[in-house]
């Protein structure tokens, strides 16, 4: 069964850090480009970060540049999103996706809440 499972979300104070993980099962991540999206209540879904299948190129939304880092460990079939200096506006459900050609898998999402 093909599955992406996100974990690592939670409640954190402004300025804090979290590391999200996205573990794949039923397929091998190494040939897929990976992305993290987020969606806050009442807002459109936003692409946060992306990484190529080889891990040699990354892109970030302007809103998270310098604070978030996407990485992957193909040996562990897992992708990560390190989030530092979190802000109130980072509160959202975070989703990871795996994409290859016209095939995209989505995870179920993990909630990140930044609040004082």
N, C-alpha and C. Protein backbone atom coordinates (compact mmCIF):
# COMPACT_ATOMS: atom_id res chain seq x y z
N UNK A 1 0.85 -1.20 0.00
CA UNK A 1 0.00 0.00 0.00
C UNK A 1 0.88 1.24 0.00
N UNK A 2 0.64 2.12 -0.96
CA UNK A 2 1.40 3.36 -1.06
C UNK A 2 0.92 4.34 0.01
N UNK A 3 1.86 4.89 0.75
CA UNK A 3 1.49 5.78 1.83
C UNK A 3 2.59 6.78 2.12
N UNK A 4 2.18 8.01 2.44
CA UNK A 4 3.08 9.04 2.98
C UNK A 4 2.52 9.42 4.34
N UNK A 5 3.36 9.40 5.34
CA UNK A 5 2.90 9.71 6.69
C UNK A 5 3.75 10.82 7.27
N UNK A 6 3.10 11.95 7.55
CA UNK A 6 3.80 13.07 8.17
C UNK A 6 3.75 12.94 9.69
N UNK A 7 4.76 13.46 10.34
CA UNK A 7 4.80 13.49 11.79
C UNK A 7 5.66 14.64 12.23
N UNK A 8 5.60 14.95 13.53
CA UNK A 8 6.45 15.99 14.08
C UNK A 8 5.76 17.31 14.33
N UNK A 9 4.51 17.41 13.96
CA UNK A 9 3.78 18.65 14.22
C UNK A 9 3.46 18.79 15.69
N UNK A 10 2.95 19.95 16.04
CA UNK A 10 2.58 20.18 17.43
C UNK A 10 2.41 21.64 17.73
N UNK A 11 2.39 21.95 19.02
CA UNK A 11 2.24 23.32 19.50
C UNK A 11 3.61 23.86 19.91
N UNK A 12 3.94 25.03 19.43
CA UNK A 12 5.23 25.62 19.73
C UNK A 12 5.06 27.13 19.89
N UNK A 13 5.90 27.73 20.71
CA UNK A 13 5.85 29.17 20.90
C UNK A 13 6.56 29.89 19.76
N UNK A 14 6.20 31.13 19.51
CA UNK A 14 6.93 31.91 18.50
C UNK A 14 8.43 31.91 18.79
N UNK A 15 9.20 31.74 17.72
CA UNK A 15 10.64 31.65 17.87
C UNK A 15 11.15 30.24 18.05
N UNK A 16 10.25 29.31 18.28
CA UNK A 16 10.64 27.93 18.49
C UNK A 16 10.89 27.18 17.20
N UNK A 17 11.19 25.88 17.35
CA UNK A 17 11.53 25.04 16.20
C UNK A 17 10.75 23.74 16.24
N UNK A 18 10.54 23.20 15.07
CA UNK A 18 9.98 21.87 14.90
C UNK A 18 10.63 21.23 13.69
N UNK A 19 10.70 19.90 13.72
CA UNK A 19 11.15 19.19 12.53
C UNK A 19 10.05 18.22 12.12
N UNK A 20 9.54 18.43 10.93
CA UNK A 20 8.54 17.53 10.38
C UNK A 20 9.23 16.41 9.60
N UNK A 21 8.64 15.24 9.66
CA UNK A 21 9.12 14.11 8.89
C UNK A 21 8.00 13.61 7.98
N UNK A 22 8.39 13.07 6.86
CA UNK A 22 7.45 12.48 5.92
C UNK A 22 8.04 11.14 5.49
N UNK A 23 7.45 10.08 5.98
CA UNK A 23 7.95 8.74 5.71
C UNK A 23 7.10 8.05 4.65
N UNK A 24 7.77 7.46 3.69
CA UNK A 24 7.06 6.78 2.60
C UNK A 24 7.08 5.27 2.83
N UNK A 25 5.99 4.64 2.43
CA UNK A 25 5.93 3.18 2.44
C UNK A 25 5.21 2.73 1.18
N UNK A 26 5.58 1.56 0.71
CA UNK A 26 4.94 1.03 -0.49
C UNK A 26 5.57 1.51 -1.79
N UNK A 27 6.52 2.40 -1.70
CA UNK A 27 7.25 2.85 -2.88
C UNK A 27 8.56 3.48 -2.41
N UNK A 28 9.47 3.70 -3.37
CA UNK A 28 10.78 4.24 -3.05
C UNK A 28 10.83 5.71 -3.39
N UNK A 29 11.16 6.51 -2.38
CA UNK A 29 11.16 7.96 -2.54
C UNK A 29 12.24 8.49 -3.46
N UNK A 30 13.29 7.74 -3.65
CA UNK A 30 14.49 8.29 -4.29
C UNK A 30 14.25 8.80 -5.71
N UNK A 31 13.23 8.32 -6.40
CA UNK A 31 12.97 8.77 -7.76
C UNK A 31 11.87 9.83 -7.82
N UNK A 32 11.48 10.35 -6.67
CA UNK A 32 10.40 11.34 -6.61
C UNK A 32 10.92 12.69 -6.13
N UNK A 33 10.42 13.74 -6.76
CA UNK A 33 10.62 15.07 -6.22
C UNK A 33 9.64 15.24 -5.06
N UNK A 34 10.10 15.90 -4.02
CA UNK A 34 9.29 16.03 -2.81
C UNK A 34 8.96 17.49 -2.54
N UNK A 35 7.78 17.69 -2.02
CA UNK A 35 7.35 19.04 -1.68
C UNK A 35 6.65 19.04 -0.33
N UNK A 36 6.73 20.16 0.34
CA UNK A 36 5.91 20.43 1.52
C UNK A 36 4.96 21.57 1.18
N UNK A 37 3.69 21.36 1.44
CA UNK A 37 2.67 22.38 1.33
C UNK A 37 2.10 22.66 2.71
N UNK A 38 1.42 23.77 2.82
CA UNK A 38 0.68 24.03 4.05
C UNK A 38 -0.62 24.75 3.71
N UNK A 39 -1.58 24.58 4.60
CA UNK A 39 -2.86 25.27 4.42
C UNK A 39 -3.38 25.70 5.78
N UNK A 40 -3.57 26.99 5.91
CA UNK A 40 -4.14 27.56 7.12
C UNK A 40 -5.64 27.73 6.92
N UNK A 41 -6.40 27.77 8.00
CA UNK A 41 -7.86 27.93 7.89
C UNK A 41 -8.22 29.18 7.12
N UNK A 42 -9.10 29.02 6.13
CA UNK A 42 -9.56 30.15 5.35
C UNK A 42 -8.58 30.66 4.31
N UNK A 43 -7.45 29.96 4.17
CA UNK A 43 -6.44 30.41 3.21
C UNK A 43 -6.19 29.33 2.16
N UNK A 44 -5.61 29.76 1.04
CA UNK A 44 -5.28 28.81 -0.01
C UNK A 44 -4.04 28.00 0.39
N UNK A 45 -3.97 26.83 -0.21
CA UNK A 45 -2.80 26.00 0.02
C UNK A 45 -1.56 26.67 -0.56
N UNK A 46 -0.47 26.57 0.17
CA UNK A 46 0.77 27.26 -0.20
C UNK A 46 1.91 26.26 -0.31
N UNK A 47 2.68 26.37 -1.38
CA UNK A 47 3.89 25.56 -1.51
C UNK A 47 4.96 26.17 -0.62
N UNK A 48 5.49 25.39 0.28
CA UNK A 48 6.46 25.89 1.25
C UNK A 48 7.89 25.61 0.81
N UNK A 49 8.14 24.37 0.41
CA UNK A 49 9.51 23.98 0.05
C UNK A 49 9.47 22.78 -0.89
N UNK A 50 10.51 22.66 -1.69
CA UNK A 50 10.61 21.55 -2.63
C UNK A 50 12.05 21.10 -2.73
N UNK A 51 12.23 19.82 -3.05
CA UNK A 51 13.57 19.28 -3.23
C UNK A 51 13.52 18.27 -4.37
N UNK A 52 14.57 18.27 -5.18
CA UNK A 52 14.63 17.34 -6.31
C UNK A 52 14.85 15.91 -5.81
N UNK A 53 14.66 14.96 -6.72
CA UNK A 53 14.80 13.56 -6.33
C UNK A 53 16.22 13.26 -5.86
N UNK A 54 17.19 13.92 -6.48
CA UNK A 54 18.58 13.69 -6.09
C UNK A 54 18.98 14.50 -4.87
N UNK A 55 18.14 15.44 -4.49
CA UNK A 55 18.46 16.28 -3.35
C UNK A 55 19.45 17.37 -3.66
N UNK A 56 19.68 17.65 -4.95
CA UNK A 56 20.72 18.61 -5.31
C UNK A 56 20.20 20.02 -5.54
N UNK A 57 18.89 20.19 -5.40
CA UNK A 57 18.32 21.52 -5.57
C UNK A 57 17.09 21.66 -4.69
N UNK A 58 16.98 22.82 -4.06
CA UNK A 58 15.83 23.10 -3.20
C UNK A 58 15.26 24.48 -3.54
N UNK A 59 13.99 24.65 -3.30
CA UNK A 59 13.34 25.94 -3.45
C UNK A 59 12.43 26.18 -2.25
N UNK A 60 12.22 27.46 -1.95
CA UNK A 60 11.43 27.84 -0.79
C UNK A 60 10.50 29.00 -1.11
N UNK A 61 9.38 29.03 -0.43
CA UNK A 61 8.53 30.20 -0.48
C UNK A 61 9.27 31.36 0.19
N UNK A 62 9.03 32.56 -0.31
CA UNK A 62 9.70 33.73 0.28
C UNK A 62 9.40 33.85 1.77
N UNK A 63 8.23 33.43 2.17
CA UNK A 63 7.80 33.60 3.56
C UNK A 63 8.60 32.72 4.54
N UNK A 64 9.29 31.70 4.02
CA UNK A 64 10.02 30.79 4.92
C UNK A 64 11.51 30.76 4.64
N UNK A 65 11.98 31.47 3.63
CA UNK A 65 13.40 31.46 3.29
C UNK A 65 14.24 31.90 4.48
N UNK A 66 15.30 31.16 4.73
CA UNK A 66 16.18 31.46 5.83
C UNK A 66 15.72 30.89 7.16
N UNK A 67 14.51 30.36 7.20
CA UNK A 67 13.99 29.78 8.45
C UNK A 67 13.73 28.28 8.32
N UNK A 68 13.30 27.85 7.15
CA UNK A 68 12.95 26.44 6.92
C UNK A 68 14.01 25.79 6.04
N UNK A 69 14.22 24.50 6.27
CA UNK A 69 15.14 23.73 5.45
C UNK A 69 14.52 22.38 5.12
N UNK A 70 14.44 22.08 3.83
CA UNK A 70 13.95 20.78 3.39
C UNK A 70 15.15 19.89 3.10
N UNK A 71 15.04 18.63 3.48
CA UNK A 71 16.11 17.68 3.23
C UNK A 71 15.50 16.30 3.04
N UNK A 72 16.32 15.40 2.55
CA UNK A 72 15.82 14.04 2.35
C UNK A 72 16.90 13.04 2.68
N UNK A 73 16.44 11.88 3.13
CA UNK A 73 17.33 10.76 3.39
C UNK A 73 16.73 9.58 2.63
N UNK A 74 17.22 9.37 1.43
CA UNK A 74 16.63 8.33 0.58
C UNK A 74 16.85 6.94 1.17
N UNK A 75 17.90 6.77 1.93
CA UNK A 75 18.13 5.48 2.56
C UNK A 75 17.05 5.15 3.59
N UNK A 76 16.50 6.20 4.20
CA UNK A 76 15.43 6.02 5.19
C UNK A 76 14.05 6.24 4.57
N UNK A 77 14.04 6.55 3.25
CA UNK A 77 12.76 6.77 2.57
C UNK A 77 11.95 7.88 3.25
N UNK A 78 12.66 8.93 3.66
CA UNK A 78 12.04 9.98 4.47
C UNK A 78 12.52 11.35 4.01
N UNK A 79 11.60 12.30 4.09
CA UNK A 79 11.92 13.69 3.82
C UNK A 79 11.61 14.50 5.07
N UNK A 80 12.36 15.56 5.27
CA UNK A 80 12.23 16.36 6.47
C UNK A 80 11.98 17.83 6.13
N UNK A 81 11.38 18.52 7.08
CA UNK A 81 11.26 19.96 7.00
C UNK A 81 11.64 20.51 8.37
N UNK A 82 12.83 21.10 8.44
CA UNK A 82 13.29 21.74 9.67
C UNK A 82 12.76 23.16 9.67
N UNK A 83 12.03 23.51 10.71
CA UNK A 83 11.40 24.82 10.80
C UNK A 83 11.93 25.54 12.03
N UNK A 84 12.62 26.63 11.81
CA UNK A 84 13.20 27.42 12.89
C UNK A 84 12.56 28.79 12.94
N UNK A 85 12.71 29.44 14.08
CA UNK A 85 12.18 30.80 14.26
C UNK A 85 10.73 30.88 13.78
N UNK A 86 9.93 29.98 14.30
CA UNK A 86 8.54 29.90 13.85
C UNK A 86 7.76 31.14 14.25
N UNK A 87 6.84 31.50 13.37
CA UNK A 87 6.01 32.67 13.56
C UNK A 87 4.54 32.27 13.66
N UNK A 88 3.74 33.17 14.20
CA UNK A 88 2.32 32.88 14.33
C UNK A 88 1.70 32.49 12.98
N UNK A 89 2.17 33.15 11.91
CA UNK A 89 1.60 32.91 10.59
C UNK A 89 2.04 31.59 9.97
N UNK A 90 2.90 30.86 10.64
CA UNK A 90 3.27 29.52 10.17
C UNK A 90 2.25 28.47 10.59
N UNK A 91 1.30 28.85 11.41
CA UNK A 91 0.27 27.92 11.85
C UNK A 91 -0.53 27.41 10.66
N UNK A 92 -0.57 26.09 10.50
CA UNK A 92 -1.25 25.48 9.35
C UNK A 92 -1.15 23.96 9.48
N UNK A 93 -1.88 23.29 8.61
CA UNK A 93 -1.66 21.86 8.42
C UNK A 93 -0.62 21.72 7.31
N UNK A 94 0.40 20.93 7.59
CA UNK A 94 1.50 20.74 6.65
C UNK A 94 1.38 19.37 5.99
N UNK A 95 1.51 19.38 4.67
CA UNK A 95 1.39 18.16 3.89
C UNK A 95 2.66 17.93 3.08
N UNK A 96 3.05 16.69 2.95
CA UNK A 96 4.13 16.38 2.02
C UNK A 96 3.57 15.67 0.80
N UNK A 97 4.23 15.85 -0.32
CA UNK A 97 3.84 15.18 -1.55
C UNK A 97 5.07 14.58 -2.21
N UNK A 98 4.83 13.51 -2.94
CA UNK A 98 5.86 12.88 -3.75
C UNK A 98 5.38 12.91 -5.19
N UNK A 99 6.20 13.44 -6.07
CA UNK A 99 5.77 13.59 -7.46
C UNK A 99 6.81 13.02 -8.43
N UNK A 100 6.30 12.26 -9.40
CA UNK A 100 7.13 11.78 -10.49
C UNK A 100 6.28 11.77 -11.73
N UNK A 101 6.69 12.54 -12.71
CA UNK A 101 5.93 12.72 -13.96
C UNK A 101 4.52 13.16 -13.60
N UNK A 102 3.49 12.41 -13.98
CA UNK A 102 2.12 12.83 -13.73
C UNK A 102 1.51 12.14 -12.52
N UNK A 103 2.34 11.54 -11.69
CA UNK A 103 1.86 10.83 -10.50
C UNK A 103 2.27 11.59 -9.26
N UNK A 104 1.29 11.86 -8.39
CA UNK A 104 1.55 12.56 -7.14
C UNK A 104 0.86 11.85 -5.99
N UNK A 105 1.63 11.61 -4.94
CA UNK A 105 1.07 11.07 -3.70
C UNK A 105 1.04 12.17 -2.65
N UNK A 106 0.00 12.13 -1.81
CA UNK A 106 -0.15 13.10 -0.73
C UNK A 106 -0.20 12.37 0.61
N UNK A 107 0.34 13.03 1.61
CA UNK A 107 0.17 12.55 2.97
C UNK A 107 -1.12 13.11 3.57
N UNK A 108 -1.40 12.72 4.81
CA UNK A 108 -2.64 13.12 5.45
C UNK A 108 -2.50 14.47 6.18
N UNK A 109 -1.29 14.91 6.35
CA UNK A 109 -1.05 16.20 6.98
C UNK A 109 -0.75 16.10 8.46
N UNK A 110 -0.04 17.11 8.95
CA UNK A 110 0.25 17.22 10.37
C UNK A 110 0.06 18.68 10.78
N UNK A 111 -0.57 18.88 11.92
CA UNK A 111 -0.90 20.23 12.38
C UNK A 111 0.29 20.88 13.07
N UNK A 112 0.58 22.09 12.67
CA UNK A 112 1.58 22.92 13.34
C UNK A 112 0.86 24.16 13.85
N UNK A 113 0.97 24.38 15.14
CA UNK A 113 0.33 25.55 15.76
C UNK A 113 1.40 26.35 16.49
N UNK A 114 1.52 27.60 16.09
CA UNK A 114 2.47 28.51 16.73
C UNK A 114 1.66 29.51 17.54
N UNK A 115 1.86 29.46 18.83
CA UNK A 115 1.05 30.30 19.71
C UNK A 115 1.80 30.58 21.01
N UNK A 116 1.57 31.76 21.53
CA UNK A 116 2.17 32.10 22.82
C UNK A 116 1.20 31.83 23.95
